[in-house]
mmCIF file of all heavy atoms, coordinates in Angstrom:
data_MODEL
# 
_entry.id   MODEL 
# 
loop_
_atom_site.group_PDB 
_atom_site.id 
_atom_site.type_symbol 
_atom_site.label_atom_id 
_atom_site.label_alt_id 
_atom_site.label_comp_id 
_atom_site.label_asym_id 
_atom_site.label_entity_id 
_atom_site.label_seq_id 
_atom_site.pdbx_PDB_ins_code 
_atom_site.Cartn_x 
_atom_site.Cartn_y 
_atom_site.Cartn_z 
_atom_site.occupancy 
_atom_site.B_iso_or_equiv 
_atom_site.pdbx_formal_charge 
_atom_site.auth_seq_id 
_atom_site.auth_comp_id 
_atom_site.auth_asym_id 
_atom_site.auth_atom_id 
_atom_site.pdbx_PDB_model_num 
ATOM 1   N N   . LEU A 1 1  ? 6.213  11.083 0.033   1.00 0.00 ? 1  LEU A N   1 
ATOM 2   C CA  . LEU A 1 1  ? 7.333  10.150 -0.123  1.00 0.00 ? 1  LEU A CA  1 
ATOM 3   C C   . LEU A 1 1  ? 7.139  9.254  -1.341  1.00 0.00 ? 1  LEU A C   1 
ATOM 4   O O   . LEU A 1 1  ? 8.105  8.950  -2.057  1.00 0.00 ? 1  LEU A O   1 
ATOM 5   C CB  . LEU A 1 1  ? 7.475  9.298  1.141   1.00 0.00 ? 1  LEU A CB  1 
ATOM 6   C CG  . LEU A 1 1  ? 7.957  10.050 2.389   1.00 0.00 ? 1  LEU A CG  1 
ATOM 7   C CD1 . LEU A 1 1  ? 7.963  9.121  3.605   1.00 0.00 ? 1  LEU A CD1 1 
ATOM 8   C CD2 . LEU A 1 1  ? 9.350  10.638 2.168   1.00 0.00 ? 1  LEU A CD2 1 
ATOM 9   N N   . LEU A 1 2  ? 5.897  8.835  -1.582  1.00 0.00 ? 2  LEU A N   1 
ATOM 10  C CA  . LEU A 1 2  ? 5.614  8.040  -2.783  1.00 0.00 ? 2  LEU A CA  1 
ATOM 11  C C   . LEU A 1 2  ? 5.916  8.832  -4.050  1.00 0.00 ? 2  LEU A C   1 
ATOM 12  O O   . LEU A 1 2  ? 6.499  8.310  -5.007  1.00 0.00 ? 2  LEU A O   1 
ATOM 13  C CB  . LEU A 1 2  ? 4.151  7.588  -2.791  1.00 0.00 ? 2  LEU A CB  1 
ATOM 14  C CG  . LEU A 1 2  ? 3.784  6.383  -1.919  1.00 0.00 ? 2  LEU A CG  1 
ATOM 15  C CD1 . LEU A 1 2  ? 2.277  6.163  -1.951  1.00 0.00 ? 2  LEU A CD1 1 
ATOM 16  C CD2 . LEU A 1 2  ? 4.507  5.132  -2.392  1.00 0.00 ? 2  LEU A CD2 1 
ATOM 17  N N   . PHE A 1 3  ? 5.517  10.107 -4.036  1.00 0.00 ? 3  PHE A N   1 
ATOM 18  C CA  . PHE A 1 3  ? 5.776  10.951 -5.203  1.00 0.00 ? 3  PHE A CA  1 
ATOM 19  C C   . PHE A 1 3  ? 7.276  11.106 -5.434  1.00 0.00 ? 3  PHE A C   1 
ATOM 20  O O   . PHE A 1 3  ? 7.760  10.944 -6.563  1.00 0.00 ? 3  PHE A O   1 
ATOM 21  C CB  . PHE A 1 3  ? 5.130  12.323 -4.997  1.00 0.00 ? 3  PHE A CB  1 
ATOM 22  C CG  . PHE A 1 3  ? 5.474  13.307 -6.080  1.00 0.00 ? 3  PHE A CG  1 
ATOM 23  C CD1 . PHE A 1 3  ? 4.876  13.219 -7.326  1.00 0.00 ? 3  PHE A CD1 1 
ATOM 24  C CD2 . PHE A 1 3  ? 6.403  14.304 -5.848  1.00 0.00 ? 3  PHE A CD2 1 
ATOM 25  C CE1 . PHE A 1 3  ? 5.208  14.121 -8.341  1.00 0.00 ? 3  PHE A CE1 1 
ATOM 26  C CE2 . PHE A 1 3  ? 6.739  15.203 -6.850  1.00 0.00 ? 3  PHE A CE2 1 
ATOM 27  C CZ  . PHE A 1 3  ? 6.136  15.111 -8.092  1.00 0.00 ? 3  PHE A CZ  1 
ATOM 28  N N   . LEU A 1 4  ? 8.019  11.416 -4.380  1.00 0.00 ? 4  LEU A N   1 
ATOM 29  C CA  . LEU A 1 4  ? 9.458  11.600 -4.519  1.00 0.00 ? 4  LEU A CA  1 
ATOM 30  C C   . LEU A 1 4  ? 10.144 10.307 -4.955  1.00 0.00 ? 4  LEU A C   1 
ATOM 31  O O   . LEU A 1 4  ? 11.057 10.328 -5.800  1.00 0.00 ? 4  LEU A O   1 
ATOM 32  C CB  . LEU A 1 4  ? 10.050 12.086 -3.187  1.00 0.00 ? 4  LEU A CB  1 
ATOM 33  C CG  . LEU A 1 4  ? 9.667  13.507 -2.759  1.00 0.00 ? 4  LEU A CG  1 
ATOM 34  C CD1 . LEU A 1 4  ? 10.246 13.819 -1.387  1.00 0.00 ? 4  LEU A CD1 1 
ATOM 35  C CD2 . LEU A 1 4  ? 10.150 14.520 -3.785  1.00 0.00 ? 4  LEU A CD2 1 
ATOM 36  N N   . ALA A 1 5  ? 9.701  9.189  -4.402  1.00 0.00 ? 5  ALA A N   1 
ATOM 37  C CA  . ALA A 1 5  ? 10.279 7.902  -4.786  1.00 0.00 ? 5  ALA A CA  1 
ATOM 38  C C   . ALA A 1 5  ? 10.022 7.624  -6.260  1.00 0.00 ? 5  ALA A C   1 
ATOM 39  O O   . ALA A 1 5  ? 10.921 7.175  -6.994  1.00 0.00 ? 5  ALA A O   1 
ATOM 40  C CB  . ALA A 1 5  ? 9.694  6.784  -3.922  1.00 0.00 ? 5  ALA A CB  1 
ATOM 41  N N   . GLY A 1 6  ? 8.798  7.897  -6.702  1.00 0.00 ? 6  GLY A N   1 
ATOM 42  C CA  . GLY A 1 6  ? 8.467  7.674  -8.104  1.00 0.00 ? 6  GLY A CA  1 
ATOM 43  C C   . GLY A 1 6  ? 9.294  8.526  -9.042  1.00 0.00 ? 6  GLY A C   1 
ATOM 44  O O   . GLY A 1 6  ? 9.787  8.050  -10.072 1.00 0.00 ? 6  GLY A O   1 
ATOM 45  N N   . VAL A 1 7  ? 9.478  9.798  -8.690  1.00 0.00 ? 7  VAL A N   1 
ATOM 46  C CA  . VAL A 1 7  ? 10.280 10.702 -9.525  1.00 0.00 ? 7  VAL A CA  1 
ATOM 47  C C   . VAL A 1 7  ? 11.733 10.227 -9.585  1.00 0.00 ? 7  VAL A C   1 
ATOM 48  O O   . VAL A 1 7  ? 12.354 10.208 -10.658 1.00 0.00 ? 7  VAL A O   1 
ATOM 49  C CB  . VAL A 1 7  ? 10.204 12.142 -8.984  1.00 0.00 ? 7  VAL A CB  1 
ATOM 50  C CG1 . VAL A 1 7  ? 11.206 13.038 -9.708  1.00 0.00 ? 7  VAL A CG1 1 
ATOM 51  C CG2 . VAL A 1 7  ? 8.793  12.694 -9.149  1.00 0.00 ? 7  VAL A CG2 1 
ATOM 52  N N   . CYS A 1 8  ? 12.285 9.842  -8.435  1.00 0.00 ? 8  CYS A N   1 
ATOM 53  C CA  . CYS A 1 8  ? 13.672 9.367  -8.399  1.00 0.00 ? 8  CYS A CA  1 
ATOM 54  C C   . CYS A 1 8  ? 13.850 8.113  -9.252  1.00 0.00 ? 8  CYS A C   1 
ATOM 55  O O   . CYS A 1 8  ? 14.842 7.978  -9.973  1.00 0.00 ? 8  CYS A O   1 
ATOM 56  C CB  . CYS A 1 8  ? 14.094 9.079  -6.958  1.00 0.00 ? 8  CYS A CB  1 
ATOM 57  S SG  . CYS A 1 8  ? 14.335 10.556 -5.950  1.00 0.00 ? 8  CYS A SG  1 
ATOM 58  N N   . ILE A 1 9  ? 12.891 7.200  -9.177  1.00 0.00 ? 9  ILE A N   1 
ATOM 59  C CA  . ILE A 1 9  ? 12.980 5.961  -9.949  1.00 0.00 ? 9  ILE A CA  1 
ATOM 60  C C   . ILE A 1 9  ? 12.847 6.247  -11.441 1.00 0.00 ? 9  ILE A C   1 
ATOM 61  O O   . ILE A 1 9  ? 13.628 5.743  -12.251 1.00 0.00 ? 9  ILE A O   1 
ATOM 62  C CB  . ILE A 1 9  ? 11.895 4.967  -9.492  1.00 0.00 ? 9  ILE A CB  1 
ATOM 63  C CG1 . ILE A 1 9  ? 12.215 4.469  -8.080  1.00 0.00 ? 9  ILE A CG1 1 
ATOM 64  C CG2 . ILE A 1 9  ? 11.795 3.785  -10.453 1.00 0.00 ? 9  ILE A CG2 1 
ATOM 65  C CD1 . ILE A 1 9  ? 11.117 3.630  -7.454  1.00 0.00 ? 9  ILE A CD1 1 
ATOM 66  N N   . ALA A 1 10 ? 11.865 7.060  -11.812 1.00 0.00 ? 10 ALA A N   1 
ATOM 67  C CA  . ALA A 1 10 ? 11.653 7.368  -13.224 1.00 0.00 ? 10 ALA A CA  1 
ATOM 68  C C   . ALA A 1 10 ? 12.831 8.129  -13.821 1.00 0.00 ? 10 ALA A C   1 
ATOM 69  O O   . ALA A 1 10 ? 13.224 7.897  -14.969 1.00 0.00 ? 10 ALA A O   1 
ATOM 70  C CB  . ALA A 1 10 ? 10.367 8.169  -13.402 1.00 0.00 ? 10 ALA A CB  1 
ATOM 71  N N   . ALA A 1 11 ? 13.398 9.047  -13.029 1.00 0.00 ? 11 ALA A N   1 
ATOM 72  C CA  . ALA A 1 11 ? 14.513 9.854  -13.510 1.00 0.00 ? 11 ALA A CA  1 
ATOM 73  C C   . ALA A 1 11 ? 15.859 9.172  -13.307 1.00 0.00 ? 11 ALA A C   1 
ATOM 74  O O   . ALA A 1 11 ? 16.896 9.720  -13.681 1.00 0.00 ? 11 ALA A O   1 
ATOM 75  C CB  . ALA A 1 11 ? 14.508 11.206 -12.803 1.00 0.00 ? 11 ALA A CB  1 
ATOM 76  N N   . ASP A 1 12 ? 15.837 7.990  -12.695 1.00 0.00 ? 12 ASP A N   1 
ATOM 77  C CA  . ASP A 1 12 ? 17.068 7.231  -12.435 1.00 0.00 ? 12 ASP A CA  1 
ATOM 78  C C   . ASP A 1 12 ? 18.043 8.014  -11.571 1.00 0.00 ? 12 ASP A C   1 
ATOM 79  O O   . ASP A 1 12 ? 19.241 8.095  -11.861 1.00 0.00 ? 12 ASP A O   1 
ATOM 80  C CB  . ASP A 1 12 ? 17.737 6.828  -13.745 1.00 0.00 ? 12 ASP A CB  1 
ATOM 81  C CG  . ASP A 1 12 ? 18.667 5.622  -13.560 1.00 0.00 ? 12 ASP A CG  1 
ATOM 82  O OD1 . ASP A 1 12 ? 18.605 4.988  -12.485 1.00 0.00 ? 12 ASP A OD1 1 
ATOM 83  O OD2 . ASP A 1 12 ? 19.455 5.330  -14.475 1.00 0.00 ? 12 ASP A OD2 1 
ATOM 84  N N   . ARG A 1 13 ? 17.522 8.592  -10.494 1.00 0.00 ? 13 ARG A N   1 
ATOM 85  C CA  . ARG A 1 13 ? 18.341 9.336  -9.536  1.00 0.00 ? 13 ARG A CA  1 
ATOM 86  C C   . ARG A 1 13 ? 18.277 8.613  -8.191  1.00 0.00 ? 13 ARG A C   1 
ATOM 87  O O   . ARG A 1 13 ? 17.220 8.480  -7.613  1.00 0.00 ? 13 ARG A O   1 
ATOM 88  C CB  . ARG A 1 13 ? 17.830 10.773 -9.381  1.00 0.00 ? 13 ARG A CB  1 
ATOM 89  C CG  . ARG A 1 13 ? 17.924 11.615 -10.648 1.00 0.00 ? 13 ARG A CG  1 
ATOM 90  C CD  . ARG A 1 13 ? 19.378 11.910 -11.002 1.00 0.00 ? 13 ARG A CD  1 
ATOM 91  N NE  . ARG A 1 13 ? 19.489 12.802 -12.149 1.00 0.00 ? 13 ARG A NE  1 
ATOM 92  C CZ  . ARG A 1 13 ? 19.581 12.379 -13.408 1.00 0.00 ? 13 ARG A CZ  1 
ATOM 93  N NH1 . ARG A 1 13 ? 19.553 11.074 -13.671 1.00 0.00 ? 13 ARG A NH1 1 
ATOM 94  N NH2 . ARG A 1 13 ? 19.692 13.237 -14.402 1.00 0.00 ? 13 ARG A NH2 1 
ATOM 95  N N   . LYS A 1 14 ? 19.422 8.131  -7.728  1.00 0.00 ? 14 LYS A N   1 
ATOM 96  C CA  . LYS A 1 14 ? 19.476 7.366  -6.471  1.00 0.00 ? 14 LYS A CA  1 
ATOM 97  C C   . LYS A 1 14 ? 18.512 6.188  -6.515  1.00 0.00 ? 14 LYS A C   1 
ATOM 98  O O   . LYS A 1 14 ? 17.926 5.800  -5.498  1.00 0.00 ? 14 LYS A O   1 
ATOM 99  C CB  . LYS A 1 14 ? 19.129 8.271  -5.277  1.00 0.00 ? 14 LYS A CB  1 
ATOM 100 C CG  . LYS A 1 14 ? 19.994 9.496  -5.138  1.00 0.00 ? 14 LYS A CG  1 
ATOM 101 C CD  . LYS A 1 14 ? 21.416 9.155  -4.741  1.00 0.00 ? 14 LYS A CD  1 
ATOM 102 C CE  . LYS A 1 14 ? 22.247 10.410 -4.519  1.00 0.00 ? 14 LYS A CE  1 
ATOM 103 N NZ  . LYS A 1 14 ? 23.645 10.106 -4.150  1.00 0.00 ? 14 LYS A NZ  1 
ATOM 104 N N   . ARG A 1 15 ? 18.363 5.616  -7.705  1.00 0.00 ? 15 ARG A N   1 
ATOM 105 C CA  . ARG A 1 15 ? 17.355 4.572  -7.906  1.00 0.00 ? 15 ARG A CA  1 
ATOM 106 C C   . ARG A 1 15 ? 17.569 3.364  -7.004  1.00 0.00 ? 15 ARG A C   1 
ATOM 107 O O   . ARG A 1 15 ? 16.609 2.818  -6.452  1.00 0.00 ? 15 ARG A O   1 
ATOM 108 C CB  . ARG A 1 15 ? 17.364 4.126  -9.369  1.00 0.00 ? 15 ARG A CB  1 
ATOM 109 C CG  . ARG A 1 15 ? 16.525 2.882  -9.652  1.00 0.00 ? 15 ARG A CG  1 
ATOM 110 C CD  . ARG A 1 15 ? 16.497 2.578  -11.124 1.00 0.00 ? 15 ARG A CD  1 
ATOM 111 N NE  . ARG A 1 15 ? 17.811 2.463  -11.700 1.00 0.00 ? 15 ARG A NE  1 
ATOM 112 C CZ  . ARG A 1 15 ? 18.505 1.327  -11.734 1.00 0.00 ? 15 ARG A CZ  1 
ATOM 113 N NH1 . ARG A 1 15 ? 18.004 0.231  -11.202 1.00 0.00 ? 15 ARG A NH1 1 
ATOM 114 N NH2 . ARG A 1 15 ? 19.692 1.285  -12.306 1.00 0.00 ? 15 ARG A NH2 1 
ATOM 115 N N   . ALA A 1 16 ? 18.806 2.915  -6.850  1.00 0.00 ? 16 ALA A N   1 
ATOM 116 C CA  . ALA A 1 16 ? 19.073 1.696  -6.083  1.00 0.00 ? 16 ALA A CA  1 
ATOM 117 C C   . ALA A 1 16 ? 18.615 1.832  -4.636  1.00 0.00 ? 16 ALA A C   1 
ATOM 118 O O   . ALA A 1 16 ? 17.925 0.956  -4.095  1.00 0.00 ? 16 ALA A O   1 
ATOM 119 C CB  . ALA A 1 16 ? 20.560 1.365  -6.143  1.00 0.00 ? 16 ALA A CB  1 
ATOM 120 N N   . VAL A 1 17 ? 18.970 2.948  -4.013  1.00 0.00 ? 17 VAL A N   1 
ATOM 121 C CA  . VAL A 1 17 ? 18.609 3.156  -2.607  1.00 0.00 ? 17 VAL A CA  1 
ATOM 122 C C   . VAL A 1 17 ? 17.118 3.393  -2.454  1.00 0.00 ? 17 VAL A C   1 
ATOM 123 O O   . VAL A 1 17 ? 16.462 2.804  -1.581  1.00 0.00 ? 17 VAL A O   1 
ATOM 124 C CB  . VAL A 1 17 ? 19.394 4.353  -2.025  1.00 0.00 ? 17 VAL A CB  1 
ATOM 125 C CG1 . VAL A 1 17 ? 18.932 4.647  -0.601  1.00 0.00 ? 17 VAL A CG1 1 
ATOM 126 C CG2 . VAL A 1 17 ? 20.887 4.082  -2.052  1.00 0.00 ? 17 VAL A CG2 1 
ATOM 127 N N   . VAL A 1 18 ? 16.569 4.248  -3.317  1.00 0.00 ? 18 VAL A N   1 
ATOM 128 C CA  . VAL A 1 18 ? 15.141 4.589  -3.237  1.00 0.00 ? 18 VAL A CA  1 
ATOM 129 C C   . VAL A 1 18 ? 14.275 3.351  -3.470  1.00 0.00 ? 18 VAL A C   1 
ATOM 130 O O   . VAL A 1 18 ? 13.304 3.107  -2.750  1.00 0.00 ? 18 VAL A O   1 
ATOM 131 C CB  . VAL A 1 18 ? 14.792 5.689  -4.253  1.00 0.00 ? 18 VAL A CB  1 
ATOM 132 C CG1 . VAL A 1 18 ? 13.275 5.891  -4.319  1.00 0.00 ? 18 VAL A CG1 1 
ATOM 133 C CG2 . VAL A 1 18 ? 15.478 6.988  -3.881  1.00 0.00 ? 18 VAL A CG2 1 
ATOM 134 N N   . SER A 1 19 ? 14.635 2.551  -4.468  1.00 0.00 ? 19 SER A N   1 
ATOM 135 C CA  . SER A 1 19 ? 13.854 1.343  -4.766  1.00 0.00 ? 19 SER A CA  1 
ATOM 136 C C   . SER A 1 19 ? 13.909 0.353  -3.613  1.00 0.00 ? 19 SER A C   1 
ATOM 137 O O   . SER A 1 19 ? 12.900 -0.273 -3.278  1.00 0.00 ? 19 SER A O   1 
ATOM 138 C CB  . SER A 1 19 ? 14.385 0.682  -6.045  1.00 0.00 ? 19 SER A CB  1 
ATOM 139 O OG  . SER A 1 19 ? 14.228 1.529  -7.148  1.00 0.00 ? 19 SER A OG  1 
ATOM 140 N N   . LEU A 1 20 ? 15.071 0.227  -3.008  1.00 0.00 ? 20 LEU A N   1 
ATOM 141 C CA  . LEU A 1 20 ? 15.212 -0.690 -1.878  1.00 0.00 ? 20 LEU A CA  1 
ATOM 142 C C   . LEU A 1 20 ? 14.351 -0.239 -0.703  1.00 0.00 ? 20 LEU A C   1 
ATOM 143 O O   . LEU A 1 20 ? 13.627 -1.046 -0.099  1.00 0.00 ? 20 LEU A O   1 
ATOM 144 C CB  . LEU A 1 20 ? 16.676 -0.784 -1.459  1.00 0.00 ? 20 LEU A CB  1 
ATOM 145 C CG  . LEU A 1 20 ? 16.990 -1.712 -0.286  1.00 0.00 ? 20 LEU A CG  1 
ATOM 146 C CD1 . LEU A 1 20 ? 16.580 -3.144 -0.609  1.00 0.00 ? 20 LEU A CD1 1 
ATOM 147 C CD2 . LEU A 1 20 ? 18.465 -1.642 0.081   1.00 0.00 ? 20 LEU A CD2 1 
ATOM 148 N N   . LEU A 1 21 ? 14.417 1.054  -0.378  1.00 0.00 ? 21 LEU A N   1 
ATOM 149 C CA  . LEU A 1 21 ? 13.621 1.579  0.739   1.00 0.00 ? 21 LEU A CA  1 
ATOM 150 C C   . LEU A 1 21 ? 12.127 1.464  0.454   1.00 0.00 ? 21 LEU A C   1 
ATOM 151 O O   . LEU A 1 21 ? 11.342 1.111  1.346   1.00 0.00 ? 21 LEU A O   1 
ATOM 152 C CB  . LEU A 1 21 ? 13.997 3.037  0.995   1.00 0.00 ? 21 LEU A CB  1 
ATOM 153 C CG  . LEU A 1 21 ? 15.408 3.284  1.538   1.00 0.00 ? 21 LEU A CG  1 
ATOM 154 C CD1 . LEU A 1 21 ? 15.663 4.777  1.665   1.00 0.00 ? 21 LEU A CD1 1 
ATOM 155 C CD2 . LEU A 1 21 ? 15.608 2.591  2.883   1.00 0.00 ? 21 LEU A CD2 1 
ATOM 156 N N   . LEU A 1 22 ? 11.734 1.749  -0.781  1.00 0.00 ? 22 LEU A N   1 
ATOM 157 C CA  . LEU A 1 22 ? 10.320 1.639  -1.155  1.00 0.00 ? 22 LEU A CA  1 
ATOM 158 C C   . LEU A 1 22 ? 9.850  0.194  -1.055  1.00 0.00 ? 22 LEU A C   1 
ATOM 159 O O   . LEU A 1 22 ? 8.758  -0.080 -0.527  1.00 0.00 ? 22 LEU A O   1 
ATOM 160 C CB  . LEU A 1 22 ? 10.114 2.160  -2.580  1.00 0.00 ? 22 LEU A CB  1 
ATOM 161 C CG  . LEU A 1 22 ? 8.688  2.059  -3.141  1.00 0.00 ? 22 LEU A CG  1 
ATOM 162 C CD1 . LEU A 1 22 ? 7.719  2.877  -2.302  1.00 0.00 ? 22 LEU A CD1 1 
ATOM 163 C CD2 . LEU A 1 22 ? 8.662  2.522  -4.592  1.00 0.00 ? 22 LEU A CD2 1 
ATOM 164 N N   . GLY A 1 23 ? 10.659 -0.725 -1.544  1.00 0.00 ? 23 GLY A N   1 
ATOM 165 C CA  . GLY A 1 23 ? 10.297 -2.142 -1.474  1.00 0.00 ? 23 GLY A CA  1 
ATOM 166 C C   . GLY A 1 23 ? 10.152 -2.625 -0.042  1.00 0.00 ? 23 GLY A C   1 
ATOM 167 O O   . GLY A 1 23 ? 9.205  -3.358 0.286   1.00 0.00 ? 23 GLY A O   1 
ATOM 168 N N   . VAL A 1 24 ? 11.076 -2.204 0.819   1.00 0.00 ? 24 VAL A N   1 
ATOM 169 C CA  . VAL A 1 24 ? 11.004 -2.593 2.240   1.00 0.00 ? 24 VAL A CA  1 
ATOM 170 C C   . VAL A 1 24 ? 9.742  -2.025 2.883   1.00 0.00 ? 24 VAL A C   1 
ATOM 171 O O   . VAL A 1 24 ? 9.045  -2.723 3.627   1.00 0.00 ? 24 VAL A O   1 
ATOM 172 C CB  . VAL A 1 24 ? 12.257 -2.105 2.996   1.00 0.00 ? 24 VAL A CB  1 
ATOM 173 C CG1 . VAL A 1 24 ? 12.084 -2.270 4.498   1.00 0.00 ? 24 VAL A CG1 1 
ATOM 174 C CG2 . VAL A 1 24 ? 13.494 -2.874 2.531   1.00 0.00 ? 24 VAL A CG2 1 
ATOM 175 N N   . ALA A 1 25 ? 9.424  -0.754 2.588   1.00 0.00 ? 25 ALA A N   1 
ATOM 176 C CA  . ALA A 1 25 ? 8.232  -0.129 3.165   1.00 0.00 ? 25 ALA A CA  1 
ATOM 177 C C   . ALA A 1 25 ? 6.955  -0.851 2.724   1.00 0.00 ? 25 ALA A C   1 
ATOM 178 O O   . ALA A 1 25 ? 6.076  -1.146 3.549   1.00 0.00 ? 25 ALA A O   1 
ATOM 179 C CB  . ALA A 1 25 ? 8.170  1.341  2.751   1.00 0.00 ? 25 ALA A CB  1 
ATOM 180 N N   . LEU A 1 26 ? 6.861  -1.164 1.442   1.00 0.00 ? 26 LEU A N   1 
ATOM 181 C CA  . LEU A 1 26 ? 5.673  -1.859 0.935   1.00 0.00 ? 26 LEU A CA  1 
ATOM 182 C C   . LEU A 1 26 ? 5.571  -3.272 1.499   1.00 0.00 ? 26 LEU A C   1 
ATOM 183 O O   . LEU A 1 26 ? 4.475  -3.750 1.817   1.00 0.00 ? 26 LEU A O   1 
ATOM 184 C CB  . LEU A 1 26 ? 5.726  -1.907 -0.594  1.00 0.00 ? 26 LEU A CB  1 
ATOM 185 C CG  . LEU A 1 26 ? 5.585  -0.553 -1.306  1.00 0.00 ? 26 LEU A CG  1 
ATOM 186 C CD1 . LEU A 1 26 ? 5.856  -0.693 -2.794  1.00 0.00 ? 26 LEU A CD1 1 
ATOM 187 C CD2 . LEU A 1 26 ? 4.199  0.034  -1.077  1.00 0.00 ? 26 LEU A CD2 1 
ATOM 188 N N   . LEU A 1 27 ? 6.713  -3.933 1.630   1.00 0.00 ? 27 LEU A N   1 
ATOM 189 C CA  . LEU A 1 27 ? 6.713  -5.286 2.186   1.00 0.00 ? 27 LEU A CA  1 
ATOM 190 C C   . LEU A 1 27 ? 6.289  -5.264 3.655   1.00 0.00 ? 27 LEU A C   1 
ATOM 191 O O   . LEU A 1 27 ? 5.579  -6.166 4.117   1.00 0.00 ? 27 LEU A O   1 
ATOM 192 C CB  . LEU A 1 27 ? 8.098  -5.914 2.032   1.00 0.00 ? 27 LEU A CB  1 
ATOM 193 C CG  . LEU A 1 27 ? 8.230  -7.377 2.459   1.00 0.00 ? 27 LEU A CG  1 
ATOM 194 C CD1 . LEU A 1 27 ? 7.298  -8.266 1.629   1.00 0.00 ? 27 LEU A CD1 1 
ATOM 195 C CD2 . LEU A 1 27 ? 9.683  -7.849 2.302   1.00 0.00 ? 27 LEU A CD2 1 
ATOM 196 N N   . LEU A 1 28 ? 6.714  -4.234 4.396   1.00 0.00 ? 28 LEU A N   1 
ATOM 197 C CA  . LEU A 1 28 ? 6.320  -4.112 5.798   1.00 0.00 ? 28 LEU A CA  1 
ATOM 198 C C   . LEU A 1 28 ? 4.814  -3.884 5.927   1.00 0.00 ? 28 LEU A C   1 
ATOM 199 O O   . LEU A 1 28 ? 4.170  -4.439 6.827   1.00 0.00 ? 28 LEU A O   1 
ATOM 200 C CB  . LEU A 1 28 ? 7.087  -2.967 6.462   1.00 0.00 ? 28 LEU A CB  1 
ATOM 201 C CG  . LEU A 1 28 ? 8.557  -3.237 6.789   1.00 0.00 ? 28 LEU A CG  1 
ATOM 202 C CD1 . LEU A 1 28 ? 9.222  -1.979 7.343   1.00 0.00 ? 28 LEU A CD1 1 
ATOM 203 C CD2 . LEU A 1 28 ? 8.692  -4.390 7.793   1.00 0.00 ? 28 LEU A CD2 1 
ATOM 204 N N   . VAL A 1 29 ? 4.260  -3.075 5.024   1.00 0.00 ? 29 VAL A N   1 
ATOM 205 C CA  . VAL A 1 29 ? 2.804  -2.855 5.045   1.00 0.00 ? 29 VAL A CA  1 
ATOM 206 C C   . VAL A 1 29 ? 2.078  -4.176 4.786   1.00 0.00 ? 29 VAL A C   1 
ATOM 207 O O   . VAL A 1 29 ? 1.074  -4.484 5.432   1.00 0.00 ? 29 VAL A O   1 
ATOM 208 C CB  . VAL A 1 29 ? 2.393  -1.813 3.988   1.00 0.00 ? 29 VAL A CB  1 
ATOM 209 C CG1 . VAL A 1 29 ? 0.869  -1.731 3.879   1.00 0.00 ? 29 VAL A CG1 1 
ATOM 210 C CG2 . VAL A 1 29 ? 2.959  -0.450 4.342   1.00 0.00 ? 29 VAL A CG2 1 
# 
């Protein structure tokens, strides 16, 4: 999931949703 999130963010694909979900997951940890 980290790899896919990174690729989506770098490639600017679904960045808004992916970044939000990643941020929430990291904040929860």
